[in-house]
């Protein structure tokens, strides 16, 4: 019984650290709104290829792809955004994750959807993207 309690506490600690709350939305006059620009949409596609499908949807049959950038802004080389992602018609075992993009994957009918917060800092030597799942989106919600 004690062993089970210890394992559940460790699992929660690891999960909360990886899937914790995102930092607050950046603000101030130095941030510039950049919604719906092609470069910012590419950040969302990079997040789908590099992080979201591995960390959040590894057991799913379909890749998650960006549908819409809901809001985004930029400060120097840091891009912060919230984007709507949905299940694509590309199956995980049919198309390599590095090849998913808007040309060969489309959102499937009745797909699961979710909103993610992304922060890309290209000023660092390793230009990774930090990702947090904000929430699932229900089928009756319009976007």
Protein backbone atom coordinates (compact mmCIF):
# COMPACT_ATOMS: atom_id res chain seq x y z
CA UNK A 1 0.00 0.00 0.00
CA UNK A 2 2.82 2.37 0.89
CA UNK A 3 4.58 1.45 -2.34
CA UNK A 4 1.47 2.39 -4.35
CA UNK A 5 1.19 5.74 -2.54
CA UNK A 6 4.85 6.56 -3.22
CA UNK A 7 4.50 5.64 -6.90
CA UNK A 8 1.41 7.82 -7.32
CA UNK A 9 3.15 10.81 -5.69
CA UNK A 10 6.19 10.37 -7.95
CA UNK A 11 3.98 10.07 -11.05
CA UNK A 12 2.13 13.26 -10.11
CA UNK A 13 5.39 15.13 -9.51
CA UNK A 14 6.80 14.12 -12.90
CA UNK A 15 3.53 14.83 -14.72
CA UNK A 16 3.02 18.23 -13.07
CA UNK A 17 6.58 19.26 -13.88
CA UNK A 18 6.23 18.36 -17.58
CA UNK A 19 2.61 19.46 -18.02
CA UNK A 20 2.57 22.30 -15.49
CA UNK A 21 0.90 25.65 -15.90
CA UNK A 22 2.26 27.95 -18.60
CA UNK A 23 3.80 31.28 -17.64
CA UNK A 24 1.50 34.29 -17.75
CA UNK A 25 0.93 35.96 -21.12
CA UNK A 26 3.73 38.47 -21.78
CA UNK A 27 2.71 42.11 -21.72
CA UNK A 28 4.18 45.55 -22.16
CA UNK A 29 4.94 47.98 -24.95
CA UNK A 30 7.92 45.97 -26.20
CA UNK A 31 5.64 43.11 -27.37
CA UNK A 32 4.34 43.43 -30.94
CA UNK A 33 1.16 41.64 -32.09
CA UNK A 34 1.92 39.32 -35.00
CA UNK A 35 -1.21 37.18 -35.45
CA UNK A 36 -1.77 35.45 -38.78
CA UNK A 37 1.68 35.98 -40.24
CA UNK A 38 3.24 33.05 -42.10
CA UNK A 39 6.35 32.90 -39.90
CA UNK A 40 4.28 32.53 -36.76
CA UNK A 41 2.17 29.78 -38.31
CA UNK A 42 5.41 27.94 -39.08
CA UNK A 43 6.21 28.00 -35.34
CA UNK A 44 2.91 26.17 -34.74
CA UNK A 45 3.81 23.58 -37.39
CA UNK A 46 7.26 23.14 -35.81
CA UNK A 47 5.59 22.57 -32.43
CA UNK A 48 3.37 19.90 -34.00
CA UNK A 49 6.35 18.16 -35.57
CA UNK A 50 8.78 18.47 -32.64
CA UNK A 51 6.73 18.39 -29.44
CA UNK A 52 2.95 18.07 -29.48
CA UNK A 53 2.59 14.74 -31.27
CA UNK A 54 5.31 13.08 -29.18
CA UNK A 55 4.58 14.50 -25.74
CA UNK A 56 0.81 14.91 -25.74
CA UNK A 57 -0.59 12.58 -28.43
CA UNK A 58 1.87 9.70 -28.66
CA UNK A 59 -0.90 7.12 -28.33
CA UNK A 60 -3.25 8.70 -30.85
CA UNK A 61 -3.87 7.29 -34.32
CA UNK A 62 -3.75 10.71 -35.98
CA UNK A 63 -1.30 13.61 -35.93
CA UNK A 64 -2.37 16.90 -34.35
CA UNK A 65 -1.85 19.87 -36.68
CA UNK A 66 -2.40 23.62 -36.25
CA UNK A 67 -5.76 24.91 -37.43
CA UNK A 68 -5.60 28.55 -36.40
CA UNK A 69 -3.35 30.94 -34.50
CA UNK A 70 -5.68 32.48 -31.92
CA UNK A 71 -3.30 35.15 -30.66
CA UNK A 72 0.40 35.79 -30.95
CA UNK A 73 2.99 38.40 -30.20
CA UNK A 74 6.72 38.83 -30.50
CA UNK A 75 9.50 40.46 -28.49
CA UNK A 76 12.96 40.38 -30.06
CA UNK A 77 13.39 36.70 -31.02
CA UNK A 78 10.76 35.32 -28.64
CA UNK A 79 7.39 34.39 -30.12
CA UNK A 80 4.53 33.60 -27.77
CA UNK A 81 1.23 32.29 -29.12
CA UNK A 82 -1.91 30.34 -28.46
CA UNK A 83 -3.05 28.12 -31.30
CA UNK A 84 -5.91 25.76 -32.00
CA UNK A 85 -4.78 22.26 -33.01
CA UNK A 86 -6.89 19.40 -34.38
CA UNK A 87 -6.51 15.79 -35.46
CA UNK A 88 -5.43 15.45 -39.07
CA UNK A 89 -6.21 12.87 -41.71
CA UNK A 90 -2.54 11.81 -41.60
CA UNK A 91 -2.18 8.63 -39.57
CA UNK A 92 0.80 8.37 -37.25
CA UNK A 93 1.99 5.14 -38.77
CA UNK A 94 1.56 6.27 -42.39
CA UNK A 95 3.36 9.62 -42.61
CA UNK A 96 6.65 10.39 -40.82
CA UNK A 97 6.23 13.18 -38.25
CA UNK A 98 8.87 15.34 -39.95
CA UNK A 99 6.78 15.40 -43.15
CA UNK A 100 3.51 16.72 -41.75
CA UNK A 101 2.59 20.14 -43.14
CA UNK A 102 -0.36 21.94 -44.71
CA UNK A 103 0.32 20.36 -48.12
CA UNK A 104 -0.14 16.73 -47.10
CA UNK A 105 -2.31 16.82 -43.95
CA UNK A 106 -5.76 18.33 -43.45
CA UNK A 107 -8.02 18.45 -40.40
CA UNK A 108 -10.32 15.45 -40.35
CA UNK A 109 -14.10 15.68 -39.96
CA UNK A 110 -15.21 15.46 -36.31
CA UNK A 111 -11.61 15.70 -35.10
CA UNK A 112 -10.56 16.20 -31.50
CA UNK A 113 -9.27 19.74 -30.96
CA UNK A 114 -7.21 21.47 -28.27
CA UNK A 115 -5.67 24.87 -27.54
CA UNK A 116 -1.94 25.01 -26.84
CA UNK A 117 0.33 27.81 -25.59
CA UNK A 118 3.68 27.93 -27.42
CA UNK A 119 6.82 29.90 -26.65
CA UNK A 120 9.65 29.80 -29.19
CA UNK A 121 12.90 31.52 -28.26
CA UNK A 122 15.25 31.51 -31.25
CA UNK A 123 17.88 33.57 -29.42
CA UNK A 124 19.01 30.51 -27.47
CA UNK A 125 21.59 28.18 -28.92
CA UNK A 126 19.06 25.33 -28.93
CA UNK A 127 15.94 26.87 -30.42
CA UNK A 128 13.31 24.60 -28.94
CA UNK A 129 9.64 25.32 -28.45
CA UNK A 130 8.03 25.12 -25.03
CA UNK A 131 4.46 23.81 -25.18
CA UNK A 132 1.58 23.68 -22.70
CA UNK A 133 -1.86 22.26 -23.35
CA UNK A 134 -4.39 24.85 -22.22
CA UNK A 135 -7.59 22.84 -22.74
CA UNK A 136 -9.58 20.55 -25.00
CA UNK A 137 -12.11 22.16 -27.33
CA UNK A 138 -15.60 20.67 -27.50
CA UNK A 139 -17.34 19.96 -30.81
CA UNK A 140 -20.04 22.59 -30.16
CA UNK A 141 -17.47 25.38 -29.74
CA UNK A 142 -17.00 27.43 -32.88
CA UNK A 143 -13.60 28.70 -33.98
